N, C-alpha and C. Protein backbone atom coordinates (compact mmCIF):
# COMPACT_ATOMS: atom_id res chain seq x y z
N MET A 1 0.85 -1.17 0.00
CA MET A 1 0.00 0.00 0.00
C MET A 1 0.89 1.22 0.00
N SER A 2 0.63 2.20 -0.83
CA SER A 2 1.48 3.37 -0.92
C SER A 2 1.40 4.24 0.33
N GLN A 3 0.25 4.35 0.92
CA GLN A 3 0.07 5.06 2.19
C GLN A 3 -0.34 4.05 3.23
N SER A 4 0.25 4.14 4.40
CA SER A 4 -0.11 3.16 5.42
C SER A 4 -1.26 3.68 6.26
N PHE A 5 -1.94 2.73 6.93
CA PHE A 5 -3.01 3.12 7.84
C PHE A 5 -2.45 4.04 8.90
N GLY A 6 -1.19 3.83 9.29
CA GLY A 6 -0.56 4.71 10.27
C GLY A 6 -0.51 6.15 9.78
N ASP A 7 -0.23 6.33 8.50
CA ASP A 7 -0.23 7.69 7.95
C ASP A 7 -1.62 8.30 8.06
N PHE A 8 -2.64 7.49 7.76
CA PHE A 8 -4.02 7.97 7.87
C PHE A 8 -4.32 8.36 9.30
N ALA A 9 -3.92 7.50 10.25
CA ALA A 9 -4.17 7.78 11.66
C ALA A 9 -3.46 9.06 12.08
N LEU A 10 -2.23 9.26 11.61
CA LEU A 10 -1.51 10.48 11.94
C LEU A 10 -2.26 11.71 11.43
N ALA A 11 -2.81 11.61 10.24
CA ALA A 11 -3.55 12.74 9.69
C ALA A 11 -4.77 13.05 10.53
N GLN A 12 -5.43 12.01 11.04
CA GLN A 12 -6.63 12.21 11.82
C GLN A 12 -6.33 12.71 13.23
N ASP A 13 -5.19 12.27 13.80
CA ASP A 13 -4.87 12.62 15.18
C ASP A 13 -4.04 13.88 15.30
N SER A 14 -3.59 14.39 14.21
CA SER A 14 -2.71 15.54 14.23
C SER A 14 -3.44 16.79 14.69
N ASN A 15 -2.73 17.63 15.40
CA ASN A 15 -3.29 18.93 15.79
C ASN A 15 -3.16 19.94 14.67
N ASP A 16 -2.46 19.57 13.62
CA ASP A 16 -2.26 20.46 12.48
C ASP A 16 -3.51 20.45 11.61
N PRO A 17 -4.23 21.57 11.54
CA PRO A 17 -5.46 21.60 10.75
C PRO A 17 -5.22 21.47 9.25
N ASN A 18 -3.96 21.53 8.82
CA ASN A 18 -3.66 21.41 7.39
C ASN A 18 -3.65 19.95 6.92
N HIS A 19 -3.64 18.99 7.86
CA HIS A 19 -3.69 17.58 7.48
C HIS A 19 -5.14 17.21 7.18
N SER A 20 -5.33 16.47 6.11
CA SER A 20 -6.67 16.00 5.78
C SER A 20 -6.59 14.63 5.15
N ILE A 21 -7.70 13.93 5.18
CA ILE A 21 -7.76 12.61 4.53
C ILE A 21 -7.40 12.74 3.05
N SER A 22 -7.92 13.75 2.41
CA SER A 22 -7.71 13.88 0.97
C SER A 22 -6.24 14.03 0.61
N GLU A 23 -5.44 14.62 1.49
CA GLU A 23 -4.01 14.77 1.22
C GLU A 23 -3.26 13.46 1.41
N LYS A 24 -3.77 12.59 2.24
CA LYS A 24 -3.07 11.36 2.56
C LYS A 24 -3.42 10.20 1.63
N LEU A 25 -4.53 10.28 0.94
CA LEU A 25 -4.99 9.16 0.11
C LEU A 25 -4.84 9.51 -1.36
N PRO A 26 -4.14 8.65 -2.12
CA PRO A 26 -3.76 8.98 -3.48
C PRO A 26 -4.88 9.20 -4.49
N VAL A 27 -6.01 8.54 -4.34
CA VAL A 27 -7.08 8.69 -5.34
C VAL A 27 -8.35 9.27 -4.73
N PHE A 28 -8.22 9.99 -3.62
CA PHE A 28 -9.37 10.53 -2.91
C PHE A 28 -10.21 11.43 -3.82
N ALA A 29 -9.60 12.40 -4.45
CA ALA A 29 -10.34 13.34 -5.30
C ALA A 29 -10.86 12.64 -6.56
N GLU A 30 -10.01 11.83 -7.17
CA GLU A 30 -10.38 11.13 -8.41
C GLU A 30 -11.60 10.22 -8.23
N ASN A 31 -11.70 9.59 -7.05
CA ASN A 31 -12.82 8.69 -6.78
C ASN A 31 -14.01 9.38 -6.12
N HIS A 32 -13.93 10.70 -5.96
CA HIS A 32 -15.00 11.49 -5.34
C HIS A 32 -15.34 10.97 -3.94
N CYS A 33 -14.30 10.66 -3.16
CA CYS A 33 -14.48 10.07 -1.84
C CYS A 33 -15.07 11.04 -0.82
N ALA A 34 -15.00 12.33 -1.08
CA ALA A 34 -15.58 13.30 -0.16
C ALA A 34 -17.09 13.12 -0.05
N GLU A 35 -17.70 12.48 -1.04
CA GLU A 35 -19.14 12.24 -1.01
C GLU A 35 -19.51 11.19 0.04
N ARG A 36 -18.53 10.40 0.46
CA ARG A 36 -18.76 9.39 1.50
C ARG A 36 -18.76 10.09 2.85
N LYS A 37 -19.75 9.81 3.67
CA LYS A 37 -19.88 10.48 4.97
C LYS A 37 -19.00 9.84 6.04
N ASN A 38 -18.81 8.53 5.96
CA ASN A 38 -18.09 7.79 6.98
C ASN A 38 -16.59 7.79 6.69
N PRO A 39 -15.74 8.14 7.67
CA PRO A 39 -14.29 8.16 7.44
C PRO A 39 -13.73 6.80 7.00
N ALA A 40 -14.27 5.70 7.52
CA ALA A 40 -13.79 4.38 7.10
C ALA A 40 -14.10 4.16 5.62
N ASN A 41 -15.27 4.57 5.18
CA ASN A 41 -15.62 4.44 3.77
C ASN A 41 -14.73 5.33 2.92
N GLN A 42 -14.40 6.52 3.41
CA GLN A 42 -13.49 7.41 2.70
C GLN A 42 -12.11 6.78 2.57
N LEU A 43 -11.66 6.11 3.63
CA LEU A 43 -10.36 5.45 3.61
C LEU A 43 -10.33 4.36 2.54
N PHE A 44 -11.35 3.51 2.50
CA PHE A 44 -11.40 2.45 1.49
C PHE A 44 -11.52 3.03 0.09
N CYS A 45 -12.26 4.10 -0.04
CA CYS A 45 -12.47 4.74 -1.34
C CYS A 45 -11.17 5.36 -1.87
N GLY A 46 -10.42 6.02 -0.99
CA GLY A 46 -9.27 6.81 -1.43
C GLY A 46 -7.96 6.07 -1.53
N ASP A 47 -7.90 4.87 -1.02
CA ASP A 47 -6.67 4.10 -1.07
C ASP A 47 -6.82 2.98 -2.10
N PRO A 48 -5.99 2.95 -3.14
CA PRO A 48 -6.16 1.96 -4.21
C PRO A 48 -6.12 0.51 -3.72
N GLU A 49 -5.23 0.20 -2.79
CA GLU A 49 -5.13 -1.18 -2.31
C GLU A 49 -6.36 -1.57 -1.50
N LEU A 50 -6.80 -0.69 -0.61
CA LEU A 50 -7.99 -0.99 0.17
C LEU A 50 -9.22 -1.06 -0.72
N ASN A 51 -9.27 -0.21 -1.73
CA ASN A 51 -10.39 -0.22 -2.67
C ASN A 51 -10.47 -1.56 -3.38
N ALA A 52 -9.31 -2.09 -3.79
CA ALA A 52 -9.27 -3.38 -4.47
C ALA A 52 -9.69 -4.50 -3.52
N ILE A 53 -9.23 -4.42 -2.27
CA ILE A 53 -9.61 -5.44 -1.28
C ILE A 53 -11.12 -5.40 -1.04
N GLY A 54 -11.68 -4.20 -0.96
CA GLY A 54 -13.12 -4.07 -0.78
C GLY A 54 -13.90 -4.69 -1.92
N ALA A 55 -13.40 -4.51 -3.14
CA ALA A 55 -14.06 -5.10 -4.31
C ALA A 55 -13.98 -6.62 -4.27
N ARG A 56 -12.83 -7.17 -3.86
CA ARG A 56 -12.70 -8.62 -3.75
C ARG A 56 -13.61 -9.17 -2.65
N LEU A 57 -13.72 -8.44 -1.55
CA LEU A 57 -14.61 -8.87 -0.47
C LEU A 57 -16.06 -8.89 -0.95
N ALA A 58 -16.47 -7.84 -1.63
CA ALA A 58 -17.85 -7.79 -2.15
C ALA A 58 -18.11 -8.95 -3.10
N SER A 59 -17.12 -9.26 -3.93
CA SER A 59 -17.25 -10.37 -4.87
C SER A 59 -17.37 -11.70 -4.13
N ALA A 60 -16.56 -11.89 -3.09
CA ALA A 60 -16.61 -13.12 -2.30
C ALA A 60 -17.96 -13.28 -1.62
N ILE A 61 -18.49 -12.19 -1.10
CA ILE A 61 -19.80 -12.23 -0.45
C ILE A 61 -20.88 -12.62 -1.47
N GLN A 62 -20.81 -12.02 -2.66
CA GLN A 62 -21.79 -12.34 -3.69
C GLN A 62 -21.69 -13.80 -4.11
N GLU A 63 -20.46 -14.31 -4.24
CA GLU A 63 -20.27 -15.73 -4.60
C GLU A 63 -20.88 -16.64 -3.53
N ARG A 64 -20.69 -16.28 -2.26
CA ARG A 64 -21.28 -17.07 -1.17
C ARG A 64 -22.80 -17.06 -1.28
N LEU A 65 -23.37 -15.89 -1.50
CA LEU A 65 -24.82 -15.80 -1.62
C LEU A 65 -25.34 -16.63 -2.79
N ASN A 66 -24.59 -16.64 -3.89
CA ASN A 66 -25.00 -17.40 -5.07
C ASN A 66 -25.01 -18.91 -4.83
N ARG A 67 -24.20 -19.38 -3.87
CA ARG A 67 -24.14 -20.83 -3.58
C ARG A 67 -25.23 -21.28 -2.61
N LEU A 68 -25.91 -20.36 -1.98
CA LEU A 68 -26.89 -20.72 -0.96
C LEU A 68 -28.27 -20.95 -1.56
N ALA A 69 -28.93 -21.96 -1.03
CA ALA A 69 -30.30 -22.23 -1.46
C ALA A 69 -31.25 -21.15 -0.94
N ASP A 70 -31.01 -20.69 0.29
CA ASP A 70 -31.87 -19.67 0.90
C ASP A 70 -31.02 -18.45 1.26
N ARG A 71 -30.92 -17.53 0.33
CA ARG A 71 -30.10 -16.33 0.52
C ARG A 71 -30.61 -15.47 1.68
N ARG A 72 -31.88 -15.54 1.94
CA ARG A 72 -32.48 -14.70 2.99
C ARG A 72 -31.78 -14.91 4.33
N ILE A 73 -31.45 -16.16 4.65
CA ILE A 73 -30.79 -16.46 5.92
C ILE A 73 -29.42 -15.78 5.99
N ALA A 74 -28.66 -15.86 4.93
CA ALA A 74 -27.34 -15.23 4.91
C ALA A 74 -27.46 -13.71 5.01
N ILE A 75 -28.43 -13.14 4.35
CA ILE A 75 -28.63 -11.69 4.40
C ILE A 75 -29.02 -11.28 5.81
N GLU A 76 -29.87 -12.06 6.46
CA GLU A 76 -30.27 -11.77 7.84
C GLU A 76 -29.07 -11.89 8.79
N GLU A 77 -28.23 -12.91 8.59
CA GLU A 77 -27.04 -13.07 9.42
C GLU A 77 -26.09 -11.89 9.24
N ASN A 78 -25.93 -11.45 8.01
CA ASN A 78 -25.06 -10.30 7.75
C ASN A 78 -25.61 -9.04 8.41
N ALA A 79 -26.91 -8.83 8.32
CA ALA A 79 -27.52 -7.66 8.94
C ALA A 79 -27.35 -7.70 10.46
N GLU A 80 -27.48 -8.90 11.04
CA GLU A 80 -27.29 -9.06 12.49
C GLU A 80 -25.85 -8.74 12.87
N TRP A 81 -24.90 -9.22 12.07
CA TRP A 81 -23.48 -8.95 12.34
C TRP A 81 -23.20 -7.45 12.31
N ILE A 82 -23.77 -6.77 11.32
CA ILE A 82 -23.57 -5.32 11.20
C ILE A 82 -24.18 -4.60 12.40
N ARG A 83 -25.37 -5.00 12.82
CA ARG A 83 -25.99 -4.39 14.00
C ARG A 83 -25.13 -4.59 15.24
N ASP A 84 -24.63 -5.82 15.43
CA ASP A 84 -23.78 -6.11 16.58
C ASP A 84 -22.49 -5.30 16.54
N ARG A 85 -21.88 -5.22 15.38
CA ARG A 85 -20.65 -4.45 15.23
C ARG A 85 -20.89 -2.99 15.56
N SER A 86 -21.96 -2.45 15.05
CA SER A 86 -22.27 -1.05 15.28
C SER A 86 -22.61 -0.77 16.75
N ALA A 87 -23.32 -1.71 17.36
CA ALA A 87 -23.70 -1.53 18.77
C ALA A 87 -22.50 -1.61 19.71
N ASN A 88 -21.47 -2.33 19.30
CA ASN A 88 -20.30 -2.53 20.17
C ASN A 88 -19.13 -1.65 19.80
N SER A 89 -19.36 -0.66 18.98
CA SER A 89 -18.27 0.22 18.55
C SER A 89 -18.61 1.67 18.84
N PRO A 90 -17.61 2.44 19.26
CA PRO A 90 -17.85 3.87 19.49
C PRO A 90 -17.98 4.65 18.19
N HIS A 91 -17.67 4.00 17.05
CA HIS A 91 -17.72 4.66 15.75
C HIS A 91 -18.90 4.16 14.95
N SER A 92 -19.45 4.99 14.12
CA SER A 92 -20.53 4.57 13.23
C SER A 92 -19.95 4.00 11.95
N TYR A 93 -20.49 2.88 11.47
CA TYR A 93 -20.00 2.25 10.25
C TYR A 93 -20.97 2.36 9.09
N SER A 94 -21.97 3.18 9.17
CA SER A 94 -22.95 3.21 8.08
C SER A 94 -22.42 3.93 6.88
């Protein structure tokens, strides 16, 4: 990855108001990542390696759903996981 998560964290934790996500992520402007409200989504959007990983993850999830006889159960399990993750985290993931 050209920029490390540590670099992103430094930009977020810095007292220097001149640091921003858009400066730290190579394709932030090109991918219109500012339209994303959630900082985690902006991170995945603006970093080419994370963006590619996100696409592979989405593909793997779709492949899993395609193999299931009853997709509804998997969708419900995923929704439950997201609710649990959100409830147990100080950050919003929507």
